[in-house]
Protein backbone atom coordinates (compact mmCIF):
# COMPACT_ATOMS: atom_id res chain seq x y z
CA UNK A 1 0.00 0.00 0.00
CA UNK A 2 1.49 3.30 -1.09
CA UNK A 3 1.16 6.83 0.14
CA UNK A 4 -2.05 8.76 -0.48
CA UNK A 5 -2.08 11.81 -2.74
CA UNK A 6 -3.85 15.02 -1.71
CA UNK A 7 -6.73 14.39 -4.15
CA UNK A 8 -7.18 10.88 -2.75
CA UNK A 9 -7.31 12.30 0.77
CA UNK A 10 -10.13 14.62 -0.34
CA UNK A 11 -11.97 11.59 -1.72
CA UNK A 12 -11.52 9.83 1.62
CA UNK A 13 -13.06 12.87 3.33
CA UNK A 14 -16.04 13.04 0.97
CA UNK A 15 -16.76 9.32 1.18
CA UNK A 16 -15.82 8.93 4.88
CA UNK A 17 -13.23 6.26 4.09
CA UNK A 18 -10.78 5.60 6.94
CA UNK A 19 -7.07 5.96 6.23
CA UNK A 20 -4.13 4.44 8.09
CA UNK A 21 -1.35 6.26 9.92
CA UNK A 22 1.16 4.35 12.02
CA UNK A 23 -1.16 1.35 12.27
CA UNK A 24 -4.26 3.22 13.47
CA UNK A 25 -7.33 4.26 11.50
CA UNK A 26 -8.13 7.94 11.04
CA UNK A 27 -10.80 9.94 9.26
CA UNK A 28 -9.98 13.03 7.21
CA UNK A 29 -12.10 15.85 8.64
CA UNK A 30 -10.71 18.97 6.94
CA UNK A 31 -7.94 20.18 4.66
CA UNK A 32 -5.78 23.17 3.71
CA UNK A 33 -5.63 23.26 -0.07
CA UNK A 34 -2.90 25.92 -0.28
CA UNK A 35 -0.63 23.90 2.01
CA UNK A 36 -1.70 20.50 0.62
CA UNK A 37 -2.24 19.18 4.15
CA UNK A 38 -5.22 17.45 5.74
CA UNK A 39 -6.60 17.24 9.26
CA UNK A 40 -7.31 13.77 10.61
CA UNK A 41 -8.97 12.45 13.75
CA UNK A 42 -8.43 8.95 15.10
CA UNK A 43 -11.50 6.83 14.46
CA UNK A 44 -11.50 5.16 17.88
CA UNK A 45 -11.21 8.45 19.80
CA UNK A 46 -13.98 10.32 18.03
CA UNK A 47 -14.12 13.99 18.90
CA UNK A 48 -12.35 13.79 22.26
CA UNK A 49 -9.19 15.30 20.81
CA UNK A 50 -8.47 18.04 18.31
CA UNK A 51 -7.69 16.91 14.74
CA UNK A 52 -4.02 16.78 13.79
CA UNK A 53 -2.58 18.34 10.64
CA UNK A 54 -0.58 16.00 8.44
CA UNK A 55 0.68 15.67 4.88
CA UNK A 56 -1.24 12.98 2.96
CA UNK A 57 2.01 11.25 1.94
CA UNK A 58 2.21 9.86 5.49
CA UNK A 59 -1.22 8.24 5.16
CA UNK A 60 -2.11 5.01 3.41
CA UNK A 61 -5.30 3.13 2.62
CA UNK A 62 -6.38 0.75 5.34
CA UNK A 63 -5.56 -2.90 4.85
CA UNK A 64 -8.48 -5.02 3.64
C-alpha atoms as a PDB file:
ATOM      1  CA  UNK A   1       0.000   0.000   0.000  1.00  0.00           C
ATOM      2  CA  UNK A   2       1.491   3.299  -1.086  1.00  0.00           C
ATOM      3  CA  UNK A   3       1.162   6.828   0.140  1.00  0.00           C
ATOM      4  CA  UNK A   4      -2.046   8.756  -0.481  1.00  0.00           C
ATOM      5  CA  UNK A   5      -2.079  11.812  -2.739  1.00  0.00           C
ATOM      6  CA  UNK A   6      -3.854  15.017  -1.706  1.00  0.00           C
ATOM      7  CA  UNK A   7      -6.727  14.391  -4.146  1.00  0.00           C
ATOM      8  CA  UNK A   8      -7.184  10.881  -2.751  1.00  0.00           C
ATOM      9  CA  UNK A   9      -7.312  12.299   0.774  1.00  0.00           C
ATOM     10  CA  UNK A  10     -10.131  14.620  -0.336  1.00  0.00           C
ATOM     11  CA  UNK A  11     -11.975  11.588  -1.722  1.00  0.00           C
ATOM     12  CA  UNK A  12     -11.517   9.828   1.625  1.00  0.00           C
ATOM     13  CA  UNK A  13     -13.059  12.868   3.330  1.00  0.00           C
ATOM     14  CA  UNK A  14     -16.036  13.040   0.967  1.00  0.00           C
ATOM     15  CA  UNK A  15     -16.762   9.317   1.180  1.00  0.00           C
ATOM     16  CA  UNK A  16     -15.821   8.931   4.880  1.00  0.00           C
ATOM     17  CA  UNK A  17     -13.235   6.263   4.094  1.00  0.00           C
ATOM     18  CA  UNK A  18     -10.779   5.602   6.939  1.00  0.00           C
ATOM     19  CA  UNK A  19      -7.072   5.959   6.234  1.00  0.00           C
ATOM     20  CA  UNK A  20      -4.134   4.437   8.089  1.00  0.00           C
ATOM     21  CA  UNK A  21      -1.350   6.264   9.919  1.00  0.00           C
ATOM     22  CA  UNK A  22       1.159   4.348  12.024  1.00  0.00           C
ATOM     23  CA  UNK A  23      -1.155   1.348  12.274  1.00  0.00           C
ATOM     24  CA  UNK A  24      -4.263   3.219  13.471  1.00  0.00           C
ATOM     25  CA  UNK A  25      -7.331   4.262  11.501  1.00  0.00           C
ATOM     26  CA  UNK A  26      -8.126   7.939  11.044  1.00  0.00           C
ATOM     27  CA  UNK A  27     -10.796   9.945   9.264  1.00  0.00           C
ATOM     28  CA  UNK A  28      -9.979  13.026   7.209  1.00  0.00           C
ATOM     29  CA  UNK A  29     -12.097  15.850   8.638  1.00  0.00           C
ATOM     30  CA  UNK A  30     -10.714  18.971   6.942  1.00  0.00           C
ATOM     31  CA  UNK A  31      -7.936  20.182   4.663  1.00  0.00           C
ATOM     32  CA  UNK A  32      -5.783  23.173   3.710  1.00  0.00           C
ATOM     33  CA  UNK A  33      -5.626  23.264  -0.067  1.00  0.00           C
ATOM     34  CA  UNK A  34      -2.900  25.920  -0.276  1.00  0.00           C
ATOM     35  CA  UNK A  35      -0.632  23.896   2.008  1.00  0.00           C
ATOM     36  CA  UNK A  36      -1.703  20.497   0.622  1.00  0.00           C
ATOM     37  CA  UNK A  37      -2.238  19.185   4.153  1.00  0.00           C
ATOM     38  CA  UNK A  38      -5.216  17.448   5.740  1.00  0.00           C
ATOM     39  CA  UNK A  39      -6.598  17.236   9.262  1.00  0.00           C
ATOM     40  CA  UNK A  40      -7.314  13.767  10.610  1.00  0.00           C
ATOM     41  CA  UNK A  41      -8.975  12.454  13.750  1.00  0.00           C
ATOM     42  CA  UNK A  42      -8.431   8.950  15.100  1.00  0.00           C
ATOM     43  CA  UNK A  43     -11.497   6.826  14.460  1.00  0.00           C
ATOM     44  CA  UNK A  44     -11.497   5.155  17.884  1.00  0.00           C
ATOM     45  CA  UNK A  45     -11.210   8.446  19.796  1.00  0.00           C
ATOM     46  CA  UNK A  46     -13.975  10.323  18.026  1.00  0.00           C
ATOM     47  CA  UNK A  47     -14.120  13.986  18.904  1.00  0.00           C
ATOM     48  CA  UNK A  48     -12.349  13.786  22.259  1.00  0.00           C
ATOM     49  CA  UNK A  49      -9.187  15.305  20.811  1.00  0.00           C
ATOM     50  CA  UNK A  50      -8.474  18.044  18.307  1.00  0.00           C
ATOM     51  CA  UNK A  51      -7.692  16.913  14.742  1.00  0.00           C
ATOM     52  CA  UNK A  52      -4.019  16.784  13.785  1.00  0.00           C
ATOM     53  CA  UNK A  53      -2.576  18.343  10.640  1.00  0.00           C
ATOM     54  CA  UNK A  54      -0.575  15.996   8.437  1.00  0.00           C
ATOM     55  CA  UNK A  55       0.678  15.665   4.885  1.00  0.00           C
ATOM     56  CA  UNK A  56      -1.245  12.985   2.963  1.00  0.00           C
ATOM     57  CA  UNK A  57       2.006  11.255   1.941  1.00  0.00           C
ATOM     58  CA  UNK A  58       2.205   9.861   5.492  1.00  0.00           C
ATOM     59  CA  UNK A  59      -1.221   8.235   5.158  1.00  0.00           C
ATOM     60  CA  UNK A  60      -2.115   5.008   3.409  1.00  0.00           C
ATOM     61  CA  UNK A  61      -5.304   3.132   2.625  1.00  0.00           C
ATOM     62  CA  UNK A  62      -6.383   0.754   5.335  1.00  0.00           C
ATOM     63  CA  UNK A  63      -5.558  -2.895   4.848  1.00  0.00           C
ATOM     64  CA  UNK A  64      -8.477  -5.024   3.639  1.00  0.00           C
END
